[in-house]
Amino acid sequence: MNLHELFLKPYESYQTYQILLEAIATIFGISSVYFSIKKNIWVYPTGIISTVLYVYILFKFGLLGDMMINFYYTVMSLYGWVLWAKSSEDHVHVNVSWATKKEWIFAGILFVLSLILVTTVYYYKPFIDNLFSMQNVTLGLYHLDWANWLDVFTTAIFLVGMWFMAKRKIENWIFWIVGDLICIPMMIYKGLGITSLQYFVFTAMAVIGYLEWKKNHFAPTSP
């Protein structure tokens, strides 16, 4: 399979507006990660634009787990925006720290709850796809392919990563790195080539973000 079949052929059946929405969401998503690396509060307004667009895109492609996590991103971005604004002396940049044992325990609970919630949503997916009608519908997980199961897993990973980021914890980058790497083949499989490239860029940026936050942990922030 060549690059054309992987990244371009799926778009032959897409409408122009769908391609534009994915491209715009990708641009704002990358911008959001850049601002996050810089510990700049603009991570949130740019991220909100991207996640709102992806809620629609992922719903259309049947990735309910990722759709839910992007809805969660939108809500958590508002929460994180408030926290970062309160913790910033210049209303732009923030200080970061390592997570405590208590925060790790809470993160573990979030991870497990997310796995249960998204798996439950997929269990009812035939009902949802049938416009919330049980007529000729059989509930279950029989319809899930490997990409859907990865979607369940990555949703839990990203949920914890987003929570750690809102709390300004350095470990958030570890979750982004793992989740982004998993999403690259998943998005290619689903025909979202632009998004798969976005996750490739995200992975590299997350590594840089981790190193930057770790290096500047004890350094004072500057405008």
C-alpha atoms as a PDB file:
ATOM      1  CA  MET A   1       0.000   0.000   0.000  1.00  0.00           C
ATOM      2  CA  ASN A   2       1.523   3.338  -1.086  1.00  0.00           C
ATOM      3  CA  LEU A   3       1.203   6.806   0.434  1.00  0.00           C
ATOM      4  CA  HIS A   4      -1.561   7.782  -1.985  1.00  0.00           C
ATOM      5  CA  GLU A   5      -3.747   4.891  -0.863  1.00  0.00           C
ATOM      6  CA  LEU A   6      -3.007   5.582   2.797  1.00  0.00           C
ATOM      7  CA  PHE A   7      -3.455   9.352   2.952  1.00  0.00           C
ATOM      8  CA  LEU A   8      -5.162  10.643  -0.203  1.00  0.00           C
ATOM      9  CA  LYS A   9      -7.491   7.989  -1.612  1.00  0.00           C
ATOM     10  CA  PRO A  10      -9.952   8.099   1.334  1.00  0.00           C
ATOM     11  CA  TYR A  11     -10.504  11.818   0.677  1.00  0.00           C
ATOM     12  CA  GLU A  12     -11.782  11.165  -2.835  1.00  0.00           C
ATOM     13  CA  SER A  13     -15.184  10.341  -1.348  1.00  0.00           C
ATOM     14  CA  TYR A  14     -15.237  13.265   1.117  1.00  0.00           C
ATOM     15  CA  GLN A  15     -17.014  16.528   0.578  1.00  0.00           C
ATOM     16  CA  THR A  16     -14.863  19.671   0.429  1.00  0.00           C
ATOM     17  CA  TYR A  17     -16.220  21.057   3.693  1.00  0.00           C
ATOM     18  CA  GLN A  18     -15.234  17.839   5.521  1.00  0.00           C
ATOM     19  CA  ILE A  19     -11.631  18.152   4.342  1.00  0.00           C
ATOM     20  CA  LEU A  20     -11.540  21.842   5.281  1.00  0.00           C
ATOM     21  CA  LEU A  21     -12.923  21.154   8.758  1.00  0.00           C
ATOM     22  CA  GLU A  22     -10.315  18.475   9.394  1.00  0.00           C
ATOM     23  CA  ALA A  23      -7.519  20.754   8.143  1.00  0.00           C
ATOM     24  CA  ILE A  24      -8.671  23.682  10.308  1.00  0.00           C
ATOM     25  CA  ALA A  25      -9.041  21.433  13.351  1.00  0.00           C
ATOM     26  CA  THR A  26      -5.516  20.113  12.754  1.00  0.00           C
ATOM     27  CA  ILE A  27      -3.991  23.594  12.490  1.00  0.00           C
ATOM     28  CA  PHE A  28      -5.601  24.752  15.728  1.00  0.00           C
ATOM     29  CA  GLY A  29      -4.722  21.457  17.410  1.00  0.00           C
ATOM     30  CA  ILE A  30      -1.030  21.839  16.590  1.00  0.00           C
ATOM     31  CA  SER A  31      -1.159  25.485  17.683  1.00  0.00           C
ATOM     32  CA  SER A  32      -2.646  24.383  21.000  1.00  0.00           C
ATOM     33  CA  VAL A  33       0.174  21.906  21.654  1.00  0.00           C
ATOM     34  CA  TYR A  34       2.740  24.587  20.782  1.00  0.00           C
ATOM     35  CA  PHE A  35       1.241  26.970  23.343  1.00  0.00           C
ATOM     36  CA  SER A  36       1.148  24.130  25.868  1.00  0.00           C
ATOM     37  CA  ILE A  37       4.886  23.550  25.432  1.00  0.00           C
ATOM     38  CA  LYS A  38       5.427  27.245  26.094  1.00  0.00           C
ATOM     39  CA  LYS A  39       3.168  27.022  29.184  1.00  0.00           C
ATOM     40  CA  ASN A  40       1.082  29.720  27.536  1.00  0.00           C
ATOM     41  CA  ILE A  41      -2.612  30.057  28.390  1.00  0.00           C
ATOM     42  CA  TRP A  42      -3.460  30.319  24.675  1.00  0.00           C
ATOM     43  CA  VAL A  43      -3.294  26.511  24.725  1.00  0.00           C
ATOM     44  CA  TYR A  44      -6.951  26.597  25.746  1.00  0.00           C
ATOM     45  CA  PRO A  45      -8.732  28.929  23.279  1.00  0.00           C
ATOM     46  CA  THR A  46      -6.906  27.359  20.331  1.00  0.00           C
ATOM     47  CA  GLY A  47      -7.570  23.900  21.706  1.00  0.00           C
ATOM     48  CA  ILE A  48     -11.277  24.560  22.153  1.00  0.00           C
ATOM     49  CA  ILE A  49     -11.680  25.430  18.464  1.00  0.00           C
ATOM     50  CA  SER A  50      -9.924  22.204  17.476  1.00  0.00           C
ATOM     51  CA  THR A  51     -11.847  19.941  19.861  1.00  0.00           C
ATOM     52  CA  VAL A  52     -15.259  21.346  18.963  1.00  0.00           C
ATOM     53  CA  LEU A  53     -14.558  20.635  15.285  1.00  0.00           C
ATOM     54  CA  TYR A  54     -13.326  17.136  16.088  1.00  0.00           C
ATOM     55  CA  VAL A  55     -16.470  16.322  18.064  1.00  0.00           C
ATOM     56  CA  TYR A  56     -18.365  16.662  14.803  1.00  0.00           C
ATOM     57  CA  ILE A  57     -15.712  14.971  12.621  1.00  0.00           C
ATOM     58  CA  LEU A  58     -15.259  11.920  14.864  1.00  0.00           C
ATOM     59  CA  PHE A  59     -18.997  11.460  15.304  1.00  0.00           C
ATOM     60  CA  LYS A  60     -19.355  11.296  11.525  1.00  0.00           C
ATOM     61  CA  PHE A  61     -16.634   8.623  11.365  1.00  0.00           C
ATOM     62  CA  GLY A  62     -18.060   6.516  14.175  1.00  0.00           C
ATOM     63  CA  LEU A  63     -15.201   6.970  16.639  1.00  0.00           C
ATOM     64  CA  LEU A  64     -17.421   7.522  19.642  1.00  0.00           C
ATOM     65  CA  GLY A  65     -14.648   7.228  22.203  1.00  0.00           C
ATOM     66  CA  ASP A  66     -12.524   9.908  20.578  1.00  0.00           C
ATOM     67  CA  MET A  67     -15.639  12.013  20.019  1.00  0.00           C
ATOM     68  CA  MET A  68     -16.411  11.821  23.728  1.00  0.00           C
ATOM     69  CA  ILE A  69     -12.836  12.663  24.696  1.00  0.00           C
ATOM     70  CA  ASN A  70     -12.913  15.732  22.448  1.00  0.00           C
ATOM     71  CA  PHE A  71     -16.152  16.835  24.097  1.00  0.00           C
ATOM     72  CA  TYR A  72     -14.401  16.239  27.425  1.00  0.00           C
ATOM     73  CA  TYR A  73     -11.407  18.255  26.136  1.00  0.00           C
ATOM     74  CA  THR A  74     -13.730  21.166  25.423  1.00  0.00           C
ATOM     75  CA  VAL A  75     -15.204  21.111  28.915  1.00  0.00           C
ATOM     76  CA  MET A  76     -11.820  20.490  30.572  1.00  0.00           C
ATOM     77  CA  SER A  77     -10.268  23.287  28.509  1.00  0.00           C
ATOM     78  CA  LEU A  78     -12.676  25.757  30.069  1.00  0.00           C
ATOM     79  CA  TYR A  79     -11.765  24.347  33.510  1.00  0.00           C
ATOM     80  CA  GLY A  80      -8.037  24.442  32.729  1.00  0.00           C
ATOM     81  CA  TRP A  81      -8.316  27.954  31.318  1.00  0.00           C
ATOM     82  CA  VAL A  82      -9.732  29.151  34.655  1.00  0.00           C
ATOM     83  CA  LEU A  83      -7.066  27.280  36.673  1.00  0.00           C
ATOM     84  CA  TRP A  84      -4.191  28.571  34.541  1.00  0.00           C
ATOM     85  CA  ALA A  85      -5.535  32.138  34.699  1.00  0.00           C
ATOM     86  CA  LYS A  86      -5.673  31.957  38.493  1.00  0.00           C
ATOM     87  CA  SER A  87      -2.172  30.455  38.733  1.00  0.00           C
ATOM     88  CA  SER A  88      -0.478  32.889  36.369  1.00  0.00           C
ATOM     89  CA  GLU A  89       1.130  36.084  37.557  1.00  0.00           C
ATOM     90  CA  ASP A  90       1.153  37.615  34.080  1.00  0.00           C
ATOM     91  CA  HIS A  91      -2.152  35.966  33.027  1.00  0.00           C
ATOM     92  CA  VAL A  92      -0.268  34.168  30.239  1.00  0.00           C
ATOM     93  CA  HIS A  93       2.394  31.785  31.611  1.00  0.00           C
ATOM     94  CA  VAL A  94       2.251  29.267  34.474  1.00  0.00           C
ATOM     95  CA  ASN A  95       4.572  27.217  36.682  1.00  0.00           C
ATOM     96  CA  VAL A  96       4.488  23.415  36.564  1.00  0.00           C
ATOM     97  CA  SER A  97       5.183  20.565  38.992  1.00  0.00           C
ATOM     98  CA  TRP A  98       5.292  16.775  39.336  1.00  0.00           C
ATOM     99  CA  ALA A  99       2.120  14.917  40.336  1.00  0.00           C
ATOM    100  CA  THR A 100       1.669  13.778  43.930  1.00  0.00           C
ATOM    101  CA  LYS A 101       0.793  10.219  44.990  1.00  0.00           C
ATOM    102  CA  LYS A 102      -2.775  11.328  45.697  1.00  0.00           C
ATOM    103  CA  GLU A 103      -3.084  12.793  42.186  1.00  0.00           C
ATOM    104  CA  TRP A 104      -1.775   9.550  40.666  1.00  0.00           C
ATOM    105  CA  ILE A 105      -4.421   7.571  42.556  1.00  0.00           C
ATOM    106  CA  PHE A 106      -7.129   9.919  41.281  1.00  0.00           C
ATOM    107  CA  ALA A 107      -5.716   9.606  37.752  1.00  0.00           C
ATOM    108  CA  GLY A 108      -5.927   5.818  38.016  1.00  0.00           C
ATOM    109  CA  ILE A 109      -9.576   6.049  39.029  1.00  0.00           C
ATOM    110  CA  LEU A 110     -10.267   8.368  36.071  1.00  0.00           C
ATOM    111  CA  PHE A 111      -8.596   5.871  33.737  1.00  0.00           C
ATOM    112  CA  VAL A 112     -10.699   2.917  34.904  1.00  0.00           C
ATOM    113  CA  LEU A 113     -13.945   4.912  34.887  1.00  0.00           C
ATOM    114  CA  SER A 114     -13.216   6.083  31.361  1.00  0.00           C
ATOM    115  CA  LEU A 115     -12.656   2.502  30.144  1.00  0.00           C
ATOM    116  CA  ILE A 116     -15.990   1.465  31.643  1.00  0.00           C
ATOM    117  CA  LEU A 117     -17.884   4.486  30.302  1.00  0.00           C
ATOM    118  CA  VAL A 118     -16.606   4.301  26.712  1.00  0.00           C
ATOM    119  CA  THR A 119     -17.046   0.520  26.553  1.00  0.00           C
ATOM    120  CA  THR A 120     -20.653   1.022  27.708  1.00  0.00           C
ATOM    121  CA  VAL A 121     -21.211   3.631  24.993  1.00  0.00           C
ATOM    122  CA  TYR A 122     -19.897   1.222  22.351  1.00  0.00           C
ATOM    123  CA  TYR A 123     -22.180  -1.489  23.750  1.00  0.00           C
ATOM    124  CA  TYR A 124     -25.116   0.758  22.933  1.00  0.00           C
ATOM    125  CA  LYS A 125     -23.655   1.985  19.620  1.00  0.00           C
ATOM    126  CA  PRO A 126     -26.104  -0.050  17.462  1.00  0.00           C
ATOM    127  CA  PHE A 127     -28.949   1.670  19.347  1.00  0.00           C
ATOM    128  CA  ILE A 128     -27.323   5.089  18.823  1.00  0.00           C
ATOM    129  CA  ASP A 129     -26.654   4.425  15.127  1.00  0.00           C
ATOM    130  CA  ASN A 130     -30.308   3.419  14.724  1.00  0.00           C
ATOM    131  CA  LEU A 131     -31.368   6.893  15.843  1.00  0.00           C
ATOM    132  CA  PHE A 132     -32.067   5.686  19.397  1.00  0.00           C
ATOM    133  CA  SER A 133     -34.527   3.045  18.275  1.00  0.00           C
ATOM    134  CA  MET A 134     -34.345  -0.610  19.401  1.00  0.00           C
ATOM    135  CA  GLN A 135     -36.109  -1.846  16.270  1.00  0.00           C
ATOM    136  CA  ASN A 136     -34.015  -4.616  14.642  1.00  0.00           C
ATOM    137  CA  VAL A 137     -31.105  -3.759  16.954  1.00  0.00           C
ATOM    138  CA  THR A 138     -28.891  -6.196  18.839  1.00  0.00           C
ATOM    139  CA  LEU A 139     -26.821  -4.649  21.604  1.00  0.00           C
ATOM    140  CA  GLY A 140     -23.288  -5.798  22.319  1.00  0.00           C
ATOM    141  CA  LEU A 141     -19.608  -5.355  21.486  1.00  0.00           C
ATOM    142  CA  TYR A 142     -19.581  -7.737  18.516  1.00  0.00           C
ATOM    143  CA  HIS A 143     -19.358  -4.842  16.047  1.00  0.00           C
ATOM    144  CA  LEU A 144     -16.091  -3.408  17.404  1.00  0.00           C
ATOM    145  CA  ASP A 145     -12.935  -3.739  15.323  1.00  0.00           C
ATOM    146  CA  TRP A 146      -9.370  -3.255  16.561  1.00  0.00           C
ATOM    147  CA  ALA A 147      -9.549   0.507  15.915  1.00  0.00           C
ATOM    148  CA  ASN A 148     -12.641   0.812  18.124  1.00  0.00           C
ATOM    149  CA  TRP A 149     -10.924  -1.043  20.978  1.00  0.00           C
ATOM    150  CA  LEU A 150      -7.898   1.214  20.596  1.00  0.00           C
ATOM    151  CA  ASP A 151     -10.319   4.132  20.673  1.00  0.00           C
ATOM    152  CA  VAL A 152     -11.585   2.932  24.068  1.00  0.00           C
ATOM    153  CA  PHE A 153      -8.033   2.672  25.395  1.00  0.00           C
ATOM    154  CA  THR A 154      -6.742   5.968  23.998  1.00  0.00           C
ATOM    155  CA  THR A 155      -9.809   7.799  25.307  1.00  0.00           C
ATOM    156  CA  ALA A 156      -8.824   6.773  28.842  1.00  0.00           C
ATOM    157  CA  ILE A 157      -5.192   7.761  28.220  1.00  0.00           C
ATOM    158  CA  PHE A 158      -6.089  11.195  26.884  1.00  0.00           C
ATOM    159  CA  LEU A 159      -8.638  11.829  29.620  1.00  0.00           C
ATOM    160  CA  VAL A 160      -5.931  11.404  32.256  1.00  0.00           C
ATOM    161  CA  GLY A 161      -3.461  13.443  30.197  1.00  0.00           C
ATOM    162  CA  MET A 162      -5.906  16.327  29.893  1.00  0.00           C
ATOM    163  CA  TRP A 163      -6.593  16.283  33.631  1.00  0.00           C
ATOM    164  CA  PHE A 164      -2.856  16.319  34.415  1.00  0.00           C
ATOM    165  CA  MET A 165      -2.384  19.229  31.999  1.00  0.00           C
ATOM    166  CA  ALA A 166      -5.164  21.247  33.638  1.00  0.00           C
ATOM    167  CA  LYS A 167      -3.399  20.648  36.965  1.00  0.00           C
ATOM    168  CA  ARG A 168      -0.088  21.727  35.341  1.00  0.00           C
ATOM    169  CA  LYS A 169       1.610  18.385  35.999  1.00  0.00           C
ATOM    170  CA  ILE A 170       4.685  17.420  33.989  1.00  0.00           C
ATOM    171  CA  GLU A 171       3.465  13.820  33.616  1.00  0.00           C
ATOM    172  CA  ASN A 172       0.692  14.943  31.276  1.00  0.00           C
ATOM    173  CA  TRP A 173       3.158  14.708  28.380  1.00  0.00           C
ATOM    174  CA  ILE A 174       3.776  11.003  28.981  1.00  0.00           C
ATOM    175  CA  PHE A 175       0.107  10.267  28.403  1.00  0.00           C
ATOM    176  CA  TRP A 176       0.019  12.428  25.260  1.00  0.00           C
ATOM    177  CA  ILE A 177       3.074  10.615  23.824  1.00  0.00           C
ATOM    178  CA  VAL A 178       1.600   7.141  24.358  1.00  0.00           C
ATOM    179  CA  GLY A 179      -1.874   8.102  23.137  1.00  0.00           C
ATOM    180  CA  ASP A 180      -0.604   9.990  20.082  1.00  0.00           C
ATOM    181  CA  LEU A 181       1.543   7.040  18.958  1.00  0.00           C
ATOM    182  CA  ILE A 182      -1.446   4.707  19.170  1.00  0.00           C
ATOM    183  CA  CYS A 183      -3.685   7.116  17.244  1.00  0.00           C
ATOM    184  CA  ILE A 184      -1.411   7.365  14.185  1.00  0.00           C
ATOM    185  CA  PRO A 185      -2.307   3.928  12.705  1.00  0.00           C
ATOM    186  CA  MET A 186      -5.876   4.126  14.020  1.00  0.00           C
ATOM    187  CA  MET A 187      -6.616   7.337  12.113  1.00  0.00           C
ATOM    188  CA  ILE A 188      -4.997   5.996   8.927  1.00  0.00           C
ATOM    189  CA  TYR A 189      -7.220   2.934   9.187  1.00  0.00           C
ATOM    190  CA  LYS A 190     -10.292   5.145   9.581  1.00  0.00           C
ATOM    191  CA  GLY A 191      -9.367   7.207   6.520  1.00  0.00           C
ATOM    192  CA  LEU A 192      -8.389  10.362   8.408  1.00  0.00           C
ATOM    193  CA  GLY A 193      -4.956  10.871   6.855  1.00  0.00           C
ATOM    194  CA  ILE A 194      -4.626  14.529   7.827  1.00  0.00           C
ATOM    195  CA  THR A 195      -5.446  13.680  11.426  1.00  0.00           C
ATOM    196  CA  SER A 196      -2.935  10.808  11.463  1.00  0.00           C
ATOM    197  CA  LEU A 197      -0.214  13.250  10.375  1.00  0.00           C
ATOM    198  CA  GLN A 198      -1.390  15.587  13.117  1.00  0.00           C
ATOM    199  CA  TYR A 199      -0.843  12.848  15.709  1.00  0.00           C
ATOM    200  CA  PHE A 200       2.632  12.215  14.287  1.00  0.00           C
ATOM    201  CA  VAL A 201       3.446  15.896  14.812  1.00  0.00           C
ATOM    202  CA  PHE A 202       1.783  15.745  18.235  1.00  0.00           C
ATOM    203  CA  THR A 203       4.080  12.894  19.271  1.00  0.00           C
ATOM    204  CA  ALA A 204       7.218  14.865  18.425  1.00  0.00           C
ATOM    205  CA  MET A 205       5.851  17.991  20.099  1.00  0.00           C
ATOM    206  CA  ALA A 206       4.857  16.031  23.207  1.00  0.00           C
ATOM    207  CA  VAL A 207       8.427  14.748  23.583  1.00  0.00           C
ATOM    208  CA  ILE A 208       9.687  18.334  23.307  1.00  0.00           C
ATOM    209  CA  GLY A 209       7.012  19.471  25.767  1.00  0.00           C
ATOM    210  CA  TYR A 210       8.031  16.874  28.330  1.00  0.00           C
ATOM    211  CA  LEU A 211      11.694  17.849  28.088  1.00  0.00           C
ATOM    212  CA  GLU A 212      10.865  21.570  28.262  1.00  0.00           C
ATOM    213  CA  TRP A 213       8.569  21.283  31.272  1.00  0.00           C
ATOM    214  CA  LYS A 214      11.014  18.993  33.054  1.00  0.00           C
ATOM    215  CA  LYS A 215      13.963  21.301  32.338  1.00  0.00           C
ATOM    216  CA  ASN A 216      12.111  24.427  33.419  1.00  0.00           C
ATOM    217  CA  HIS A 217      10.475  22.898  36.481  1.00  0.00           C
ATOM    218  CA  PHE A 218      12.591  24.926  38.885  1.00  0.00           C
ATOM    219  CA  ALA A 219      13.213  27.829  36.540  1.00  0.00           C
ATOM    220  CA  PRO A 220      11.136  31.005  36.884  1.00  0.00           C
ATOM    221  CA  THR A 221       8.690  31.671  34.063  1.00  0.00           C
ATOM    222  CA  SER A 222       9.097  34.738  31.875  1.00  0.00           C
ATOM    223  CA  PRO A 223       6.781  36.484  29.429  1.00  0.00           C
END
